[in-house]
Amino acid sequence: LARGGRAGAEELRASLDLFVRHRADLARERGKILMHTGPATQGSHYLLFDYSTAALAAAALPAGARARYREAILEEVLRLRAAGGCFIDNPSRGRACGTGLALLALAALR
């Protein structure tokens, strides 16, 4: 919505506030093989997609408004780091997908 000119910084902040408030619920899906296992039909294969999207949203905010969101998103992304430096949120999705999405998130958080 923001990229399409239908939402501004306030809406982005409100969405990111929801992410920060509910990130523990989402993080409980980490490492599960079954898809759509969460109470709101979220599945662990979406975690790094969600984190990379949240990172892009945070990057669209004015520089002074990013820190709170950056820290929360970075913490969640780094929890998915596996041995050897790859990232994986679901074993069935694999390392390449997870690592690619993690790199997108990390680049947006830079």
PDB file of N, CA and C in Angstrom:
ATOM      1  N   LEU A   1       0.822  -1.198   0.000  1.00  0.00           N
ATOM      2  CA  LEU A   1       0.000   0.000   0.000  1.00  0.00           C
ATOM      3  C   LEU A   1       0.861   1.255   0.000  1.00  0.00           C
ATOM      4  N   ALA A   2       1.926   1.227   0.771  1.00  0.00           N
ATOM      5  CA  ALA A   2       2.804   2.400   0.832  1.00  0.00           C
ATOM      6  C   ALA A   2       3.466   2.637  -0.515  1.00  0.00           C
ATOM      7  N   ARG A   3       3.945   1.590  -1.134  1.00  0.00           N
ATOM      8  CA  ARG A   3       4.593   1.754  -2.446  1.00  0.00           C
ATOM      9  C   ARG A   3       3.627   2.242  -3.503  1.00  0.00           C
ATOM     10  N   GLY A   4       2.369   1.912  -3.342  1.00  0.00           N
ATOM     11  CA  GLY A   4       1.354   2.341  -4.288  1.00  0.00           C
ATOM     12  C   GLY A   4       0.740   3.686  -3.945  1.00  0.00           C
ATOM     13  N   GLY A   5       1.270   4.339  -2.910  1.00  0.00           N
ATOM     14  CA  GLY A   5       0.773   5.648  -2.534  1.00  0.00           C
ATOM     15  C   GLY A   5      -0.534   5.639  -1.762  1.00  0.00           C
ATOM     16  N   ARG A   6      -0.925   4.475  -1.230  1.00  0.00           N
ATOM     17  CA  ARG A   6      -2.203   4.382  -0.516  1.00  0.00           C
ATOM     18  C   ARG A   6      -2.026   4.299   0.992  1.00  0.00           C
ATOM     19  N   ALA A   7      -0.779   4.374   1.447  1.00  0.00           N
ATOM     20  CA  ALA A   7      -0.491   4.374   2.886  1.00  0.00           C
ATOM     21  C   ALA A   7       0.790   5.166   3.093  1.00  0.00           C
ATOM     22  N   GLY A   8       0.911   5.727   4.266  1.00  0.00           N
ATOM     23  CA  GLY A   8       2.096   6.520   4.571  1.00  0.00           C
ATOM     24  C   GLY A   8       2.848   5.962   5.761  1.00  0.00           C
ATOM     25  N   ALA A   9       3.713   6.797   6.312  1.00  0.00           N
ATOM     26  CA  ALA A   9       4.572   6.378   7.420  1.00  0.00           C
ATOM     27  C   ALA A   9       3.756   5.942   8.632  1.00  0.00           C
ATOM     28  N   GLU A  10       2.643   6.589   8.905  1.00  0.00           N
ATOM     29  CA  GLU A  10       1.816   6.202  10.066  1.00  0.00           C
ATOM     30  C   GLU A  10       1.284   4.785   9.921  1.00  0.00           C
ATOM     31  N   GLU A  11       0.810   4.454   8.736  1.00  0.00           N
ATOM     32  CA  GLU A  11       0.301   3.100   8.505  1.00  0.00           C
ATOM     33  C   GLU A  11       1.422   2.067   8.577  1.00  0.00           C
ATOM     34  N   LEU A  12       2.587   2.422   8.039  1.00  0.00           N
ATOM     35  CA  LEU A  12       3.734   1.504   8.142  1.00  0.00           C
ATOM     36  C   LEU A  12       4.106   1.280   9.601  1.00  0.00           C
ATOM     37  N   ARG A  13       4.162   2.348  10.361  1.00  0.00           N
ATOM     38  CA  ARG A  13       4.487   2.213  11.794  1.00  0.00           C
ATOM     39  C   ARG A  13       3.442   1.359  12.514  1.00  0.00           C
ATOM     40  N   ALA A  14       2.180   1.576  12.219  1.00  0.00           N
ATOM     41  CA  ALA A  14       1.123   0.781  12.870  1.00  0.00           C
ATOM     42  C   ALA A  14       1.270  -0.706  12.529  1.00  0.00           C
ATOM     43  N   SER A  15       1.569  -1.009  11.282  1.00  0.00           N
ATOM     44  CA  SER A  15       1.768  -2.401  10.879  1.00  0.00           C
ATOM     45  C   SER A  15       2.988  -3.001  11.553  1.00  0.00           C
ATOM     46  N   LEU A  16       4.060  -2.241  11.612  1.00  0.00           N
ATOM     47  CA  LEU A  16       5.275  -2.736  12.258  1.00  0.00           C
ATOM     48  C   LEU A  16       5.094  -2.855  13.768  1.00  0.00           C
ATOM     49  N   ASP A  17       4.287  -1.986  14.363  1.00  0.00           N
ATOM     50  CA  ASP A  17       3.968  -2.128  15.785  1.00  0.00           C
ATOM     51  C   ASP A  17       3.268  -3.464  16.036  1.00  0.00           C
ATOM     52  N   LEU A  18       2.346  -3.838  15.147  1.00  0.00           N
ATOM     53  CA  LEU A  18       1.676  -5.135  15.267  1.00  0.00           C
ATOM     54  C   LEU A  18       2.676  -6.279  15.151  1.00  0.00           C
ATOM     55  N   PHE A  19       3.610  -6.154  14.216  1.00  0.00           N
ATOM     56  CA  PHE A  19       4.643  -7.186  14.069  1.00  0.00           C
ATOM     57  C   PHE A  19       5.431  -7.339  15.361  1.00  0.00           C
ATOM     58  N   VAL A  20       5.889  -6.237  15.918  1.00  0.00           N
ATOM     59  CA  VAL A  20       6.691  -6.294  17.143  1.00  0.00           C
ATOM     60  C   VAL A  20       5.873  -6.903  18.286  1.00  0.00           C
ATOM     61  N   ARG A  21       4.628  -6.507  18.396  1.00  0.00           N
ATOM     62  CA  ARG A  21       3.780  -6.994  19.486  1.00  0.00           C
ATOM     63  C   ARG A  21       3.511  -8.492  19.381  1.00  0.00           C
ATOM     64  N   HIS A  22       3.386  -9.020  18.164  1.00  0.00           N
ATOM     65  CA  HIS A  22       2.999 -10.419  17.969  1.00  0.00           C
ATOM     66  C   HIS A  22       4.121 -11.301  17.437  1.00  0.00           C
ATOM     67  N   ARG A  23       5.334 -10.820  17.424  1.00  0.00           N
ATOM     68  CA  ARG A  23       6.421 -11.601  16.830  1.00  0.00           C
ATOM     69  C   ARG A  23       6.700 -12.897  17.569  1.00  0.00           C
ATOM     70  N   ALA A  24       6.459 -12.954  18.859  1.00  0.00           N
ATOM     71  CA  ALA A  24       6.681 -14.202  19.596  1.00  0.00           C
ATOM     72  C   ALA A  24       5.723 -15.294  19.121  1.00  0.00           C
ATOM     73  N   ASP A  25       4.492 -14.926  18.810  1.00  0.00           N
ATOM     74  CA  ASP A  25       3.533 -15.907  18.288  1.00  0.00           C
ATOM     75  C   ASP A  25       4.017 -16.462  16.957  1.00  0.00           C
ATOM     76  N   LEU A  26       4.475 -15.602  16.105  1.00  0.00           N
ATOM     77  CA  LEU A  26       4.981 -16.025  14.800  1.00  0.00           C
ATOM     78  C   LEU A  26       6.235 -16.875  14.963  1.00  0.00           C
ATOM     79  N   ALA A  27       7.123 -16.481  15.847  1.00  0.00           N
ATOM     80  CA  ALA A  27       8.385 -17.197  16.041  1.00  0.00           C
ATOM     81  C   ALA A  27       8.174 -18.619  16.541  1.00  0.00           C
ATOM     82  N   ARG A  28       7.064 -18.896  17.185  1.00  0.00           N
ATOM     83  CA  ARG A  28       6.795 -20.266  17.648  1.00  0.00           C
ATOM     84  C   ARG A  28       6.664 -21.248  16.488  1.00  0.00           C
ATOM     85  N   GLU A  29       6.465 -20.744  15.300  1.00  0.00           N
ATOM     86  CA  GLU A  29       6.352 -21.608  14.121  1.00  0.00           C
ATOM     87  C   GLU A  29       7.715 -22.028  13.571  1.00  0.00           C
ATOM     88  N   ARG A  30       8.765 -21.465  14.096  1.00  0.00           N
ATOM     89  CA  ARG A  30      10.131 -21.738  13.635  1.00  0.00           C
ATOM     90  C   ARG A  30      10.438 -23.234  13.697  1.00  0.00           C
ATOM     91  N   GLY A  31      10.955 -23.756  12.593  1.00  0.00           N
ATOM     92  CA  GLY A  31      11.429 -25.122  12.535  1.00  0.00           C
ATOM     93  C   GLY A  31      10.373 -26.187  12.343  1.00  0.00           C
ATOM     94  N   LYS A  32       9.119 -25.828  12.311  1.00  0.00           N
ATOM     95  CA  LYS A  32       8.067 -26.827  12.121  1.00  0.00           C
ATOM     96  C   LYS A  32       8.020 -27.253  10.661  1.00  0.00           C
ATOM     97  N   ILE A  33       7.779 -28.514  10.454  1.00  0.00           N
ATOM     98  CA  ILE A  33       7.698 -29.029   9.087  1.00  0.00           C
ATOM     99  C   ILE A  33       6.291 -28.908   8.536  1.00  0.00           C
ATOM    100  N   LEU A  34       5.288 -29.066   9.391  1.00  0.00           N
ATOM    101  CA  LEU A  34       3.912 -28.945   8.929  1.00  0.00           C
ATOM    102  C   LEU A  34       3.611 -27.506   8.542  1.00  0.00           C
ATOM    103  N   MET A  35       2.894 -27.338   7.473  1.00  0.00           N
ATOM    104  CA  MET A  35       2.559 -25.996   7.004  1.00  0.00           C
ATOM    105  C   MET A  35       1.227 -25.551   7.589  1.00  0.00           C
ATOM    106  N   HIS A  36       1.054 -24.242   7.686  1.00  0.00           N
ATOM    107  CA  HIS A  36      -0.175 -23.621   8.186  1.00  0.00           C
ATOM    108  C   HIS A  36      -0.546 -24.185   9.557  1.00  0.00           C
ATOM    109  N   THR A  37       0.406 -24.108  10.457  1.00  0.00           N
ATOM    110  CA  THR A  37       0.223 -24.700  11.770  1.00  0.00           C
ATOM    111  C   THR A  37      -0.136 -23.695  12.849  1.00  0.00           C
ATOM    112  N   GLY A  38      -0.087 -22.423  12.557  1.00  0.00           N
ATOM    113  CA  GLY A  38      -0.350 -21.416  13.569  1.00  0.00           C
ATOM    114  C   GLY A  38      -1.829 -21.114  13.717  1.00  0.00           C
ATOM    115  N   PRO A  39      -2.194 -20.425  14.780  1.00  0.00           N
ATOM    116  CA  PRO A  39      -3.605 -20.126  15.024  1.00  0.00           C
ATOM    117  C   PRO A  39      -4.240 -19.253  13.954  1.00  0.00           C
ATOM    118  N   ALA A  40      -3.449 -18.486  13.243  1.00  0.00           N
ATOM    119  CA  ALA A  40      -3.987 -17.641  12.176  1.00  0.00           C
ATOM    120  C   ALA A  40      -3.567 -18.177  10.808  1.00  0.00           C
ATOM    121  N   THR A  41      -3.375 -19.470  10.707  1.00  0.00           N
ATOM    122  CA  THR A  41      -2.967 -20.221   9.514  1.00  0.00           C
ATOM    123  C   THR A  41      -1.601 -19.835   8.988  1.00  0.00           C
ATOM    124  N   GLN A  42      -0.754 -19.236   9.839  1.00  0.00           N
ATOM    125  CA  GLN A  42       0.597 -18.969   9.392  1.00  0.00           C
ATOM    126  C   GLN A  42       1.417 -20.247   9.506  1.00  0.00           C
ATOM    127  N   GLY A  43       2.358 -20.411   8.613  1.00  0.00           N
ATOM    128  CA  GLY A  43       3.224 -21.580   8.629  1.00  0.00           C
ATOM    129  C   GLY A  43       4.662 -21.139   8.711  1.00  0.00           C
ATOM    130  N   SER A  44       5.497 -22.014   9.185  1.00  0.00           N
ATOM    131  CA  SER A  44       6.894 -21.624   9.383  1.00  0.00           C
ATOM    132  C   SER A  44       7.596 -21.301   8.076  1.00  0.00           C
ATOM    133  N   HIS A  45       7.098 -21.792   6.973  1.00  0.00           N
ATOM    134  CA  HIS A  45       7.742 -21.476   5.704  1.00  0.00           C
ATOM    135  C   HIS A  45       7.576 -20.008   5.336  1.00  0.00           C
ATOM    136  N   TYR A  46       6.749 -19.290   6.042  1.00  0.00           N
ATOM    137  CA  TYR A  46       6.549 -17.874   5.789  1.00  0.00           C
ATOM    138  C   TYR A  46       7.434 -16.968   6.647  1.00  0.00           C
ATOM    139  N   LEU A  47       8.117 -17.515   7.634  1.00  0.00           N
ATOM    140  CA  LEU A  47       8.822 -16.661   8.579  1.00  0.00           C
ATOM    141  C   LEU A  47       9.809 -15.714   7.913  1.00  0.00           C
ATOM    142  N   LEU A  48      10.733 -16.240   7.143  1.00  0.00           N
ATOM    143  CA  LEU A  48      11.734 -15.356   6.544  1.00  0.00           C
ATOM    144  C   LEU A  48      11.135 -14.455   5.471  1.00  0.00           C
ATOM    145  N   PHE A  49      10.071 -14.892   4.835  1.00  0.00           N
ATOM    146  CA  PHE A  49       9.353 -14.000   3.924  1.00  0.00           C
ATOM    147  C   PHE A  49       8.770 -12.838   4.725  1.00  0.00           C
ATOM    148  N   ASP A  50       8.132 -13.156   5.852  1.00  0.00           N
ATOM    149  CA  ASP A  50       7.560 -12.103   6.694  1.00  0.00           C
ATOM    150  C   ASP A  50       8.632 -11.167   7.223  1.00  0.00           C
ATOM    151  N   TYR A  51       9.746 -11.718   7.670  1.00  0.00           N
ATOM    152  CA  TYR A  51      10.813 -10.884   8.218  1.00  0.00           C
ATOM    153  C   TYR A  51      11.433 -10.005   7.139  1.00  0.00           C
ATOM    154  N   SER A  52      11.615 -10.545   5.940  1.00  0.00           N
ATOM    155  CA  SER A  52      12.197  -9.715   4.881  1.00  0.00           C
ATOM    156  C   SER A  52      11.223  -8.617   4.460  1.00  0.00           C
ATOM    157  N   THR A  53       9.940  -8.923   4.432  1.00  0.00           N
ATOM    158  CA  THR A  53       8.936  -7.914   4.097  1.00  0.00           C
ATOM    159  C   THR A  53       8.857  -6.840   5.179  1.00  0.00           C
ATOM    160  N   ALA A  54       8.929  -7.257   6.444  1.00  0.00           N
ATOM    161  CA  ALA A  54       8.931  -6.284   7.546  1.00  0.00           C
ATOM    162  C   ALA A  54      10.167  -5.396   7.468  1.00  0.00           C
ATOM    163  N   ALA A  55      11.301  -5.973   7.100  1.00  0.00           N
ATOM    164  CA  ALA A  55      12.535  -5.189   6.976  1.00  0.00           C
ATOM    165  C   ALA A  55      12.408  -4.152   5.856  1.00  0.00           C
ATOM    166  N   LEU A  56      11.798  -4.528   4.745  1.00  0.00           N
ATOM    167  CA  LEU A  56      11.586  -3.572   3.652  1.00  0.00           C
ATOM    168  C   LEU A  56      10.641  -2.457   4.087  1.00  0.00           C
ATOM    169  N   ALA A  57       9.617  -2.806   4.858  1.00  0.00           N
ATOM    170  CA  ALA A  57       8.690  -1.788   5.359  1.00  0.00           C
ATOM    171  C   ALA A  57       9.411  -0.835   6.310  1.00  0.00           C
ATOM    172  N   ALA A  58      10.232  -1.370   7.195  1.00  0.00           N
ATOM    173  CA  ALA A  58      10.974  -0.523   8.133  1.00  0.00           C
ATOM    174  C   ALA A  58      11.934   0.399   7.392  1.00  0.00           C
ATOM    175  N   ALA A  59      12.542  -0.111   6.336  1.00  0.00           N
ATOM    176  CA  ALA A  59      13.486   0.699   5.562  1.00  0.00           C
ATOM    177  C   ALA A  59      12.802   1.872   4.869  1.00  0.00           C
ATOM    178  N   ALA A  60      11.500   1.758   4.651  1.00  0.00           N
ATOM    179  CA  ALA A  60      10.749   2.834   3.998  1.00  0.00           C
ATOM    180  C   ALA A  60      10.397   3.970   4.957  1.00  0.00           C
ATOM    181  N   LEU A  61      10.602   3.747   6.253  1.00  0.00           N
ATOM    182  CA  LEU A  61      10.319   4.792   7.240  1.00  0.00           C
ATOM    183  C   LEU A  61      11.448   5.817   7.276  1.00  0.00           C
ATOM    184  N   PRO A  62      11.177   6.991   7.796  1.00  0.00           N
ATOM    185  CA  PRO A  62      12.263   7.953   8.004  1.00  0.00           C
ATOM    186  C   PRO A  62      13.331   7.339   8.913  1.00  0.00           C
ATOM    187  N   ALA A  63      14.574   7.685   8.689  1.00  0.00           N
ATOM    188  CA  ALA A  63      15.706   7.073   9.397  1.00  0.00           C
ATOM    189  C   ALA A  63      15.522   7.062  10.907  1.00  0.00           C
ATOM    190  N   GLY A  64      15.007   8.112  11.484  1.00  0.00           N
ATOM    191  CA  GLY A  64      14.858   8.194  12.928  1.00  0.00           C
ATOM    192  C   GLY A  64      13.795   7.276  13.510  1.00  0.00           C
ATOM    193  N   ALA A  65      12.938   6.722  12.670  1.00  0.00           N
ATOM    194  CA  ALA A  65      11.841   5.874  13.150  1.00  0.00           C
ATOM    195  C   ALA A  65      12.120   4.389  12.984  1.00  0.00           C
ATOM    196  N   ARG A  66      13.283   4.019  12.484  1.00  0.00           N
ATOM    197  CA  ARG A  66      13.558   2.624  12.134  1.00  0.00           C
ATOM    198  C   ARG A  66      14.118   1.767  13.257  1.00  0.00           C
ATOM    199  N   ALA A  67      14.819   2.350  14.218  1.00  0.00           N
ATOM    200  CA  ALA A  67      15.633   1.584  15.174  1.00  0.00           C
ATOM    201  C   ALA A  67      14.840   0.510  15.915  1.00  0.00           C
ATOM    202  N   ARG A  68      13.705   0.850  16.447  1.00  0.00           N
ATOM    203  CA  ARG A  68      12.914  -0.114  17.226  1.00  0.00           C
ATOM    204  C   ARG A  68      12.554  -1.338  16.390  1.00  0.00           C
ATOM    205  N   TYR A  69      12.150  -1.097  15.159  1.00  0.00           N
ATOM    206  CA  TYR A  69      11.740  -2.185  14.283  1.00  0.00           C
ATOM    207  C   TYR A  69      12.950  -2.966  13.791  1.00  0.00           C
ATOM    208  N   ARG A  70      14.009  -2.245  13.491  1.00  0.00           N
ATOM    209  CA  ARG A  70      15.226  -2.894  13.015  1.00  0.00           C
ATOM    210  C   ARG A  70      15.722  -3.915  14.029  1.00  0.00           C
ATOM    211  N   GLU A  71      15.771  -3.535  15.279  1.00  0.00           N
ATOM    212  CA  GLU A  71      16.258  -4.437  16.334  1.00  0.00           C
ATOM    213  C   GLU A  71      15.387  -5.678  16.442  1.00  0.00           C
ATOM    214  N   ALA A  72      14.074  -5.517  16.425  1.00  0.00           N
ATOM    215  CA  ALA A  72      13.161  -6.657  16.554  1.00  0.00           C
ATOM    216  C   ALA A  72      13.273  -7.598  15.362  1.00  0.00           C
ATOM    217  N   ILE A  73      13.303  -7.041  14.167  1.00  0.00           N
ATOM    218  CA  ILE A  73      13.385  -7.869  12.960  1.00  0.00           C
ATOM    219  C   ILE A  73      14.729  -8.577  12.909  1.00  0.00           C
ATOM    220  N   LEU A  74      15.799  -7.856  13.178  1.00  0.00           N
ATOM    221  CA  LEU A  74      17.133  -8.451  13.160  1.00  0.00           C
ATOM    222  C   LEU A  74      17.231  -9.599  14.153  1.00  0.00           C
ATOM    223  N   GLU A  75      16.687  -9.419  15.332  1.00  0.00           N
ATOM    224  CA  GLU A  75      16.708 -10.479  16.342  1.00  0.00           C
ATOM    225  C   GLU A  75      16.024 -11.743  15.827  1.00  0.00           C
ATOM    226  N   GLU A  76      14.888 -11.593  15.184  1.00  0.00           N
ATOM    227  CA  GLU A  76      14.158 -12.758  14.664  1.00  0.00           C
ATOM    228  C   GLU A  76      14.903 -13.420  13.513  1.00  0.00           C
ATOM    229  N   VAL A  77      15.450 -12.625  12.611  1.00  0.00           N
ATOM    230  CA  VAL A  77      16.208 -13.196  11.489  1.00  0.00           C
ATOM    231  C   VAL A  77      17.403 -13.986  12.011  1.00  0.00           C
ATOM    232  N   LEU A  78      18.145 -13.416  12.934  1.00  0.00           N
ATOM    233  CA  LEU A  78      19.353 -14.082  13.431  1.00  0.00           C
ATOM    234  C   LEU A  78      19.037 -15.354  14.209  1.00  0.00           C
ATOM    235  N   ARG A  79      17.862 -15.487  14.752  1.00  0.00           N
ATOM    236  CA  ARG A  79      17.465 -16.733  15.424  1.00  0.00           C
ATOM    237  C   ARG A  79      17.360 -17.892  14.446  1.00  0.00           C
ATOM    238  N   LEU A  80      17.241 -17.582  13.178  1.00  0.00           N
ATOM    239  CA  LEU A  80      17.089 -18.621  12.156  1.00  0.00           C
ATOM    240  C   LEU A  80      18.408 -18.981  11.489  1.00  0.00           C
ATOM    241  N   ARG A  81      19.498 -18.458  12.000  1.00  0.00           N
ATOM    242  CA  ARG A  81      20.813 -18.777  11.450  1.00  0.00           C
ATOM    243  C   ARG A  81      21.205 -20.182  11.882  1.00  0.00           C
ATOM    244  N   ALA A  82      21.670 -20.960  10.936  1.00  0.00           N
ATOM    245  CA  ALA A  82      22.053 -22.350  11.187  1.00  0.00           C
ATOM    246  C   ALA A  82      23.572 -22.505  11.076  1.00  0.00           C
ATOM    247  N   ALA A  83      24.031 -23.689  11.378  1.00  0.00           N
ATOM    248  CA  ALA A  83      25.459 -23.988  11.263  1.00  0.00           C
ATOM    249  C   ALA A  83      25.940 -23.681   9.855  1.00  0.00           C
ATOM    250  N   GLY A  84      27.120 -23.156   9.756  1.00  0.00           N
ATOM    251  CA  GLY A  84      27.677 -22.826   8.452  1.00  0.00           C
ATOM    252  C   GLY A  84      27.256 -21.472   7.925  1.00  0.00           C
ATOM    253  N   GLY A  85      26.400 -20.761   8.669  1.00  0.00           N
ATOM    254  CA  GLY A  85      26.026 -19.416   8.272  1.00  0.00           C
ATOM    255  C   GLY A  85      24.776 -19.310   7.428  1.00  0.00           C
ATOM    256  N   CYS A  86      24.149 -20.422   7.063  1.00  0.00           N
ATOM    257  CA  CYS A  86      22.917 -20.338   6.284  1.00  0.00           C
ATOM    258  C   CYS A  86      21.751 -20.032   7.216  1.00  0.00           C
ATOM    259  N   PHE A  87      20.603 -19.760   6.641  1.00  0.00           N
ATOM    260  CA  PHE A  87      19.389 -19.460   7.402  1.00  0.00           C
ATOM    261  C   PHE A  87      18.311 -20.433   6.964  1.00  0.00           C
ATOM    262  N   ILE A  88      17.575 -20.934   7.934  1.00  0.00           N
ATOM    263  CA  ILE A  88      16.504 -21.872   7.605  1.00  0.00           C
ATOM    264  C   ILE A  88      15.361 -21.712   8.602  1.00  0.00           C
ATOM    265  N   ASP A  89      14.165 -21.551   8.076  1.00  0.00           N
ATOM    266  CA  ASP A  89      13.000 -21.444   8.954  1.00  0.00           C
ATOM    267  C   ASP A  89      12.164 -22.716   8.919  1.00  0.00           C
ATOM    268  N   ASN A  90      12.325 -23.510   7.900  1.00  0.00           N
ATOM    269  CA  ASN A  90      11.598 -24.771   7.767  1.00  0.00           C
ATOM    270  C   ASN A  90      12.470 -25.760   7.016  1.00  0.00           C
ATOM    271  N   PRO A  91      12.747 -26.914   7.593  1.00  0.00           N
ATOM    272  CA  PRO A  91      13.623 -27.881   6.936  1.00  0.00           C
ATOM    273  C   PRO A  91      13.161 -28.289   5.544  1.00  0.00           C
ATOM    274  N   SER A  92      11.860 -28.343   5.308  1.00  0.00           N
ATOM    275  CA  SER A  92      11.375 -28.761   3.991  1.00  0.00           C
ATOM    276  C   SER A  92      11.548 -27.681   2.932  1.00  0.00           C
ATOM    277  N   ARG A  93      11.698 -26.433   3.323  1.00  0.00           N
ATOM    278  CA  ARG A  93      11.907 -25.340   2.361  1.00  0.00           C
ATOM    279  C   ARG A  93      13.366 -25.221   1.968  1.00  0.00           C
ATOM    280  N   GLY A  94      14.245 -25.646   2.835  1.00  0.00           N
ATOM    281  CA  GLY A  94      15.653 -25.666   2.500  1.00  0.00           C
ATOM    282  C   GLY A  94      16.422 -24.409   2.835  1.00  0.00           C
ATOM    283  N   ARG A  95      17.736 -24.566   2.737  1.00  0.00           N
ATOM    284  CA  ARG A  95      18.655 -23.485   3.096  1.00  0.00           C
ATOM    285  C   ARG A  95      18.696 -22.362   2.070  1.00  0.00           C
ATOM    286  N   ALA A  96      18.609 -22.705   0.794  1.00  0.00           N
ATOM    287  CA  ALA A  96      18.736 -21.674  -0.243  1.00  0.00           C
ATOM    288  C   ALA A  96      17.612 -20.647  -0.138  1.00  0.00           C
ATOM    289  N   CYS A  97      16.396 -21.119   0.009  1.00  0.00           N
ATOM    290  CA  CYS A  97      15.246 -20.212   0.134  1.00  0.00           C
ATOM    291  C   CYS A  97      15.386 -19.356   1.391  1.00  0.00           C
ATOM    292  N   GLY A  98      15.652 -19.998   2.507  1.00  0.00           N
ATOM    293  CA  GLY A  98      15.786 -19.272   3.766  1.00  0.00           C
ATOM    294  C   GLY A  98      16.919 -18.267   3.737  1.00  0.00           C
ATOM    295  N   THR A  99      18.052 -18.678   3.210  1.00  0.00           N
ATOM    296  CA  THR A  99      19.206 -17.784   3.179  1.00  0.00           C
ATOM    297  C   THR A  99      18.965 -16.611   2.242  1.00  0.00           C
ATOM    298  N   GLY A 100      18.331 -16.859   1.117  1.00  0.00           N
ATOM    299  CA  GLY A 100      18.019 -15.767   0.197  1.00  0.00           C
ATOM    300  C   GLY A 100      17.110 -14.729   0.828  1.00  0.00           C
ATOM    301  N   LEU A 101      16.074 -15.193   1.506  1.00  0.00           N
ATOM    302  CA  LEU A 101      15.160 -14.262   2.172  1.00  0.00           C
ATOM    303  C   LEU A 101      15.838 -13.543   3.334  1.00  0.00           C
ATOM    304  N   ALA A 102      16.683 -14.262   4.063  1.00  0.00           N
ATOM    305  CA  ALA A 102      17.415 -13.623   5.162  1.00  0.00           C
ATOM    306  C   ALA A 102      18.342 -12.539   4.629  1.00  0.00           C
ATOM    307  N   LEU A 103      19.003 -12.795   3.507  1.00  0.00           N
ATOM    308  CA  LEU A 103      19.895 -11.788   2.927  1.00  0.00           C
ATOM    309  C   LEU A 103      19.117 -10.554   2.478  1.00  0.00           C
ATOM    310  N   LEU A 104      17.922 -10.758   1.947  1.00  0.00           N
ATOM    311  CA  LEU A 104      17.073  -9.603   1.599  1.00  0.00           C
ATOM    312  C   LEU A 104      16.740  -8.791   2.848  1.00  0.00           C
ATOM    313  N   ALA A 105      16.386  -9.487   3.930  1.00  0.00           N
ATOM    314  CA  ALA A 105      16.064  -8.785   5.177  1.00  0.00           C
ATOM    315  C   ALA A 105      17.276  -8.044   5.707  1.00  0.00           C
ATOM    316  N   LEU A 106      18.423  -8.698   5.733  1.00  0.00           N
ATOM    317  CA  LEU A 106      19.626  -8.068   6.266  1.00  0.00           C
ATOM    318  C   LEU A 106      20.036  -6.850   5.431  1.00  0.00           C
ATOM    319  N   ALA A 107      19.881  -6.955   4.122  1.00  0.00           N
ATOM    320  CA  ALA A 107      20.213  -5.814   3.255  1.00  0.00           C
ATOM    321  C   ALA A 107      19.282  -4.636   3.543  1.00  0.00           C
ATOM    322  N   ALA A 108      17.995  -4.925   3.737  1.00  0.00           N
ATOM    323  CA  ALA A 108      17.041  -3.841   4.025  1.00  0.00           C
ATOM    324  C   ALA A 108      17.284  -3.228   5.398  1.00  0.00           C
ATOM    325  N   LEU A 109      17.816  -4.004   6.327  1.00  0.00           N
ATOM    326  CA  LEU A 109      18.069  -3.499   7.668  1.00  0.00           C
ATOM    327  C   LEU A 109      19.400  -2.768   7.795  1.00  0.00           C
ATOM    328  N   ARG A 110      20.221  -2.859   6.793  1.00  0.00           N
ATOM    329  CA  ARG A 110      21.559  -2.241   6.816  1.00  0.00           C
ATOM    330  C   ARG A 110      21.493  -0.755   7.002  1.00  0.00           C
TER     331      ARG A 110
END
